[in-house]
Amino acid sequence: MSSPRRRIETDVMKLLMSDYEVTLVNDNMQEFYVRFHGPEDTPFAGGVWKVHVELPDQYPYKSPSIGFMNKIFHPNIDELSGSVCLDVINQTWSPMFDMINIFEVFLPQLLRYPNPTDPLNGEAAALLMREPQAYENKVKEYVNRFATKEAADAANESSSEDEVSSVDSYSDEEEGPDMEL
């Protein structure tokens, strides 16, 4: 029975010792935030996101819950909740995968190769299929507005259960006027 607990500790320690900035929630290894940078050579390059991770008690036999805390415009990521629609996390998760795989392979691949045929964000999917250049421009606009270091930091400071809404209101109301400079 201690196997899942040991595996959680091992995977989180590997993540803590990696180059990723990891912030544990209440020193709990089953809930934490990871600062994730958009992959180079994509419209997401230069973006910084806080990704919320929750590991279930049955981890690694059950997949982790992954969500972007600050806004991102992507067909397979829900804009309001930040939920990620990623087959390898949601359906084909295997105990062979670990947290490093998610941040070094799965999320970068998702941002690099969006799947508009299985969308959580219909607007992003439609734009990608109909007007790829307009989609890329909107992604870059979101990166500039919502995926800054400051927005990622603000996303982490939110203490309410409805963290995504707090981030949205911060980004829309407080950062908006600054963008007019």
C-alpha atoms as a PDB file:
ATOM      1  CA  MET A   1       0.000   0.000   0.000  1.00  0.00           C
ATOM      2  CA  SER A   2       2.920   2.387   0.468  1.00  0.00           C
ATOM      3  CA  SER A   3       3.851   2.046  -3.207  1.00  0.00           C
ATOM      4  CA  PRO A   4       1.637   4.929  -4.490  1.00  0.00           C
ATOM      5  CA  ARG A   5       2.814   7.170  -1.631  1.00  0.00           C
ATOM      6  CA  ARG A   6       6.469   6.403  -2.363  1.00  0.00           C
ATOM      7  CA  ARG A   7       5.912   6.956  -6.082  1.00  0.00           C
ATOM      8  CA  ILE A   8       4.273  10.344  -5.424  1.00  0.00           C
ATOM      9  CA  GLU A   9       7.253  11.377  -3.306  1.00  0.00           C
ATOM     10  CA  THR A  10       9.754  10.133  -5.904  1.00  0.00           C
ATOM     11  CA  ASP A  11       8.043  11.866  -8.846  1.00  0.00           C
ATOM     12  CA  VAL A  12       7.553  15.148  -7.012  1.00  0.00           C
ATOM     13  CA  MET A  13      11.155  15.121  -5.767  1.00  0.00           C
ATOM     14  CA  LYS A  14      12.370  14.569  -9.353  1.00  0.00           C
ATOM     15  CA  LEU A  15      10.282  17.556 -10.415  1.00  0.00           C
ATOM     16  CA  LEU A  16      11.569  19.675  -7.509  1.00  0.00           C
ATOM     17  CA  MET A  17      15.166  18.828  -8.434  1.00  0.00           C
ATOM     18  CA  SER A  18      14.598  19.612 -12.118  1.00  0.00           C
ATOM     19  CA  ASP A  19      14.832  23.038 -13.735  1.00  0.00           C
ATOM     20  CA  TYR A  20      11.105  23.613 -13.207  1.00  0.00           C
ATOM     21  CA  GLU A  21       9.965  26.057 -10.561  1.00  0.00           C
ATOM     22  CA  VAL A  22       7.618  24.053  -8.339  1.00  0.00           C
ATOM     23  CA  THR A  23       5.522  25.442  -5.484  1.00  0.00           C
ATOM     24  CA  LEU A  24       3.908  22.954  -3.123  1.00  0.00           C
ATOM     25  CA  VAL A  25       0.485  23.847  -1.718  1.00  0.00           C
ATOM     26  CA  ASN A  26       0.674  23.625   2.098  1.00  0.00           C
ATOM     27  CA  ASP A  27       3.779  21.398   1.821  1.00  0.00           C
ATOM     28  CA  ASN A  28       1.529  18.759   0.269  1.00  0.00           C
ATOM     29  CA  MET A  29       3.220  16.625  -2.377  1.00  0.00           C
ATOM     30  CA  GLN A  30      -0.155  15.825  -3.945  1.00  0.00           C
ATOM     31  CA  GLU A  31      -0.985  19.413  -4.882  1.00  0.00           C
ATOM     32  CA  PHE A  32       1.420  21.918  -6.379  1.00  0.00           C
ATOM     33  CA  TYR A  33       2.031  24.483  -9.107  1.00  0.00           C
ATOM     34  CA  VAL A  34       4.652  24.285 -11.822  1.00  0.00           C
ATOM     35  CA  ARG A  35       5.875  27.279 -13.806  1.00  0.00           C
ATOM     36  CA  PHE A  36       5.666  26.180 -17.432  1.00  0.00           C
ATOM     37  CA  HIS A  37       7.228  28.036 -20.366  1.00  0.00           C
ATOM     38  CA  GLY A  38       5.791  27.882 -23.872  1.00  0.00           C
ATOM     39  CA  PRO A  39       7.858  25.823 -26.305  1.00  0.00           C
ATOM     40  CA  GLU A  40      10.251  27.689 -28.582  1.00  0.00           C
ATOM     41  CA  ASP A  41       9.369  27.980 -32.273  1.00  0.00           C
ATOM     42  CA  THR A  42       5.637  28.079 -31.469  1.00  0.00           C
ATOM     43  CA  PRO A  43       3.226  30.995 -31.004  1.00  0.00           C
ATOM     44  CA  PHE A  44       3.359  30.106 -27.278  1.00  0.00           C
ATOM     45  CA  ALA A  45       7.103  30.912 -27.055  1.00  0.00           C
ATOM     46  CA  GLY A  46       7.865  33.451 -24.349  1.00  0.00           C
ATOM     47  CA  GLY A  47       4.702  32.607 -22.429  1.00  0.00           C
ATOM     48  CA  VAL A  48       4.803  31.684 -18.745  1.00  0.00           C
ATOM     49  CA  TRP A  49       1.978  29.733 -17.141  1.00  0.00           C
ATOM     50  CA  LYS A  50       1.255  28.439 -13.687  1.00  0.00           C
ATOM     51  CA  VAL A  51       0.039  24.883 -14.086  1.00  0.00           C
ATOM     52  CA  HIS A  52      -1.918  23.437 -11.181  1.00  0.00           C
ATOM     53  CA  VAL A  53      -1.286  19.744 -10.539  1.00  0.00           C
ATOM     54  CA  GLU A  54      -3.226  17.437  -8.238  1.00  0.00           C
ATOM     55  CA  LEU A  55      -2.121  13.853  -7.772  1.00  0.00           C
ATOM     56  CA  PRO A  56      -4.857  11.423  -6.747  1.00  0.00           C
ATOM     57  CA  ASP A  57      -4.250   8.969  -3.906  1.00  0.00           C
ATOM     58  CA  GLN A  58      -4.080   6.211  -6.553  1.00  0.00           C
ATOM     59  CA  TYR A  59      -1.255   7.914  -8.503  1.00  0.00           C
ATOM     60  CA  PRO A  60       0.535   6.598 -10.606  1.00  0.00           C
ATOM     61  CA  TYR A  61      -2.283   4.170 -11.436  1.00  0.00           C
ATOM     62  CA  LYS A  62      -4.685   7.085 -11.856  1.00  0.00           C
ATOM     63  CA  SER A  63      -3.677  10.135 -13.891  1.00  0.00           C
ATOM     64  CA  PRO A  64      -2.965  13.546 -12.360  1.00  0.00           C
ATOM     65  CA  SER A  65      -5.304  16.502 -12.757  1.00  0.00           C
ATOM     66  CA  ILE A  66      -3.637  19.277 -14.782  1.00  0.00           C
ATOM     67  CA  GLY A  67      -4.928  22.815 -15.305  1.00  0.00           C
ATOM     68  CA  PHE A  68      -3.557  26.124 -16.571  1.00  0.00           C
ATOM     69  CA  MET A  69      -4.130  28.869 -14.008  1.00  0.00           C
ATOM     70  CA  ASN A  70      -3.629  31.867 -16.299  1.00  0.00           C
ATOM     71  CA  LYS A  71      -5.448  32.146 -19.627  1.00  0.00           C
ATOM     72  CA  ILE A  72      -4.263  30.336 -22.720  1.00  0.00           C
ATOM     73  CA  PHE A  73      -5.880  30.239 -26.172  1.00  0.00           C
ATOM     74  CA  HIS A  74      -5.710  26.650 -27.406  1.00  0.00           C
ATOM     75  CA  PRO A  75      -8.274  24.228 -28.914  1.00  0.00           C
ATOM     76  CA  ASN A  76      -7.589  21.530 -26.304  1.00  0.00           C
ATOM     77  CA  ILE A  77      -7.493  23.728 -23.187  1.00  0.00           C
ATOM     78  CA  ASP A  78     -10.673  25.157 -21.685  1.00  0.00           C
ATOM     79  CA  GLU A  79     -10.236  28.928 -21.573  1.00  0.00           C
ATOM     80  CA  LEU A  80     -12.263  29.451 -18.386  1.00  0.00           C
ATOM     81  CA  SER A  81     -11.292  26.450 -16.241  1.00  0.00           C
ATOM     82  CA  GLY A  82      -7.815  25.826 -17.662  1.00  0.00           C
ATOM     83  CA  SER A  83      -8.610  22.107 -17.956  1.00  0.00           C
ATOM     84  CA  VAL A  84      -6.443  20.206 -20.404  1.00  0.00           C
ATOM     85  CA  CYS A  85      -7.871  17.772 -22.938  1.00  0.00           C
ATOM     86  CA  LEU A  86      -4.881  15.548 -23.491  1.00  0.00           C
ATOM     87  CA  ASP A  87      -5.438  11.931 -24.446  1.00  0.00           C
ATOM     88  CA  VAL A  88      -2.303  10.651 -22.710  1.00  0.00           C
ATOM     89  CA  ILE A  89      -3.332  12.265 -19.414  1.00  0.00           C
ATOM     90  CA  ASN A  90      -7.066  11.611 -19.586  1.00  0.00           C
ATOM     91  CA  GLN A  91      -7.444   8.211 -21.259  1.00  0.00           C
ATOM     92  CA  THR A  92      -4.183   6.422 -21.948  1.00  0.00           C
ATOM     93  CA  TRP A  93      -2.304   7.296 -18.755  1.00  0.00           C
ATOM     94  CA  SER A  94       0.129   4.612 -17.681  1.00  0.00           C
ATOM     95  CA  PRO A  95       2.120   4.177 -14.443  1.00  0.00           C
ATOM     96  CA  MET A  96       5.206   4.238 -16.706  1.00  0.00           C
ATOM     97  CA  PHE A  97       4.710   8.003 -17.127  1.00  0.00           C
ATOM     98  CA  ASP A  98       5.829  10.481 -14.487  1.00  0.00           C
ATOM     99  CA  MET A  99       5.485  14.189 -13.815  1.00  0.00           C
ATOM    100  CA  ILE A 100       8.626  15.046 -15.790  1.00  0.00           C
ATOM    101  CA  ASN A 101       7.015  13.434 -18.884  1.00  0.00           C
ATOM    102  CA  ILE A 102       4.043  15.783 -18.560  1.00  0.00           C
ATOM    103  CA  PHE A 103       6.138  18.948 -18.516  1.00  0.00           C
ATOM    104  CA  GLU A 104       8.926  17.904 -20.878  1.00  0.00           C
ATOM    105  CA  VAL A 105       6.917  15.974 -23.462  1.00  0.00           C
ATOM    106  CA  PHE A 106       3.107  15.940 -23.168  1.00  0.00           C
ATOM    107  CA  LEU A 107       2.335  19.643 -22.616  1.00  0.00           C
ATOM    108  CA  PRO A 108       4.944  20.938 -25.103  1.00  0.00           C
ATOM    109  CA  GLN A 109       3.613  18.478 -27.721  1.00  0.00           C
ATOM    110  CA  LEU A 110       0.038  19.585 -27.019  1.00  0.00           C
ATOM    111  CA  LEU A 111       0.963  23.235 -27.581  1.00  0.00           C
ATOM    112  CA  ARG A 112       3.018  22.379 -30.677  1.00  0.00           C
ATOM    113  CA  TYR A 113       0.389  20.120 -32.268  1.00  0.00           C
ATOM    114  CA  PRO A 114      -3.139  21.158 -31.248  1.00  0.00           C
ATOM    115  CA  ASN A 115      -5.995  18.823 -32.149  1.00  0.00           C
ATOM    116  CA  PRO A 116      -8.911  20.959 -33.396  1.00  0.00           C
ATOM    117  CA  THR A 117     -11.075  17.870 -33.997  1.00  0.00           C
ATOM    118  CA  ASP A 118     -11.384  17.203 -30.225  1.00  0.00           C
ATOM    119  CA  PRO A 119     -11.771  20.720 -28.799  1.00  0.00           C
ATOM    120  CA  LEU A 120     -12.477  22.101 -25.346  1.00  0.00           C
ATOM    121  CA  ASN A 121     -12.280  25.600 -26.841  1.00  0.00           C
ATOM    122  CA  GLY A 122     -14.479  25.611 -29.948  1.00  0.00           C
ATOM    123  CA  GLU A 123     -13.510  29.154 -30.913  1.00  0.00           C
ATOM    124  CA  ALA A 124      -9.796  28.287 -30.947  1.00  0.00           C
ATOM    125  CA  ALA A 125     -10.464  25.075 -32.895  1.00  0.00           C
ATOM    126  CA  ALA A 126     -12.575  26.839 -35.531  1.00  0.00           C
ATOM    127  CA  LEU A 127     -10.058  29.648 -35.923  1.00  0.00           C
ATOM    128  CA  LEU A 128      -7.148  27.189 -36.257  1.00  0.00           C
ATOM    129  CA  MET A 129      -8.958  25.239 -38.975  1.00  0.00           C
ATOM    130  CA  ARG A 130     -10.334  28.218 -40.917  1.00  0.00           C
ATOM    131  CA  GLU A 131      -7.699  30.920 -40.435  1.00  0.00           C
ATOM    132  CA  PRO A 132      -4.406  29.507 -39.122  1.00  0.00           C
ATOM    133  CA  GLN A 133      -2.651  32.901 -39.231  1.00  0.00           C
ATOM    134  CA  ALA A 134      -5.469  34.574 -37.257  1.00  0.00           C
ATOM    135  CA  TYR A 135      -5.266  31.706 -34.736  1.00  0.00           C
ATOM    136  CA  GLU A 136      -1.513  32.221 -34.351  1.00  0.00           C
ATOM    137  CA  ASN A 137      -2.024  35.978 -33.890  1.00  0.00           C
ATOM    138  CA  LYS A 138      -4.664  35.404 -31.200  1.00  0.00           C
ATOM    139  CA  VAL A 139      -2.387  32.913 -29.389  1.00  0.00           C
ATOM    140  CA  LYS A 140       0.387  35.535 -29.383  1.00  0.00           C
ATOM    141  CA  GLU A 141      -2.047  38.191 -28.137  1.00  0.00           C
ATOM    142  CA  TYR A 142      -3.036  35.913 -25.226  1.00  0.00           C
ATOM    143  CA  VAL A 143       0.622  35.183 -24.485  1.00  0.00           C
ATOM    144  CA  ASN A 144       1.346  38.927 -24.313  1.00  0.00           C
ATOM    145  CA  ARG A 145      -1.711  39.691 -22.169  1.00  0.00           C
ATOM    146  CA  PHE A 146      -2.090  36.669 -19.894  1.00  0.00           C
ATOM    147  CA  ALA A 147       1.114  34.582 -19.988  1.00  0.00           C
ATOM    148  CA  THR A 148       3.549  37.059 -18.476  1.00  0.00           C
ATOM    149  CA  LYS A 149       5.616  36.313 -15.390  1.00  0.00           C
ATOM    150  CA  GLU A 150       3.390  38.765 -13.473  1.00  0.00           C
ATOM    151  CA  ALA A 151       0.181  37.027 -14.572  1.00  0.00           C
ATOM    152  CA  ALA A 152       1.640  33.633 -13.644  1.00  0.00           C
ATOM    153  CA  ASP A 153       2.681  34.978 -10.231  1.00  0.00           C
ATOM    154  CA  ALA A 154      -0.775  36.452  -9.680  1.00  0.00           C
ATOM    155  CA  ALA A 155      -2.336  33.115 -10.629  1.00  0.00           C
ATOM    156  CA  ASN A 156      -0.351  31.437  -7.869  1.00  0.00           C
ATOM    157  CA  GLU A 157      -1.344  34.017  -5.249  1.00  0.00           C
ATOM    158  CA  SER A 158      -5.034  33.269  -5.629  1.00  0.00           C
ATOM    159  CA  SER A 159      -6.323  31.563  -2.518  1.00  0.00           C
ATOM    160  CA  SER A 160      -9.966  30.916  -3.362  1.00  0.00           C
ATOM    161  CA  GLU A 161     -11.262  27.604  -4.635  1.00  0.00           C
ATOM    162  CA  ASP A 162     -12.362  29.316  -7.849  1.00  0.00           C
ATOM    163  CA  GLU A 163      -8.808  30.298  -8.733  1.00  0.00           C
ATOM    164  CA  VAL A 164      -9.309  30.614 -12.470  1.00  0.00           C
ATOM    165  CA  SER A 165     -12.022  33.272 -12.069  1.00  0.00           C
ATOM    166  CA  SER A 166      -9.763  35.300  -9.793  1.00  0.00           C
ATOM    167  CA  VAL A 167      -7.012  35.187 -12.376  1.00  0.00           C
ATOM    168  CA  ASP A 168      -9.402  36.180 -15.150  1.00  0.00           C
ATOM    169  CA  SER A 169     -10.655  39.204 -13.245  1.00  0.00           C
ATOM    170  CA  TYR A 170      -7.107  40.276 -12.345  1.00  0.00           C
ATOM    171  CA  SER A 171      -5.950  39.961 -15.935  1.00  0.00           C
ATOM    172  CA  ASP A 172      -8.961  41.661 -17.520  1.00  0.00           C
ATOM    173  CA  GLU A 173      -9.491  44.535 -15.103  1.00  0.00           C
ATOM    174  CA  GLU A 174      -6.094  45.390 -13.677  1.00  0.00           C
ATOM    175  CA  GLU A 175      -3.716  44.578 -16.527  1.00  0.00           C
ATOM    176  CA  GLY A 176      -5.962  45.773 -19.352  1.00  0.00           C
ATOM    177  CA  PRO A 177      -5.387  49.519 -18.856  1.00  0.00           C
ATOM    178  CA  ASP A 178      -1.615  48.987 -18.578  1.00  0.00           C
ATOM    179  CA  MET A 179      -1.631  47.406 -22.019  1.00  0.00           C
ATOM    180  CA  GLU A 180      -2.656  50.749 -23.524  1.00  0.00           C
ATOM    181  CA  LEU A 181       0.753  52.348 -22.862  1.00  0.00           C
END
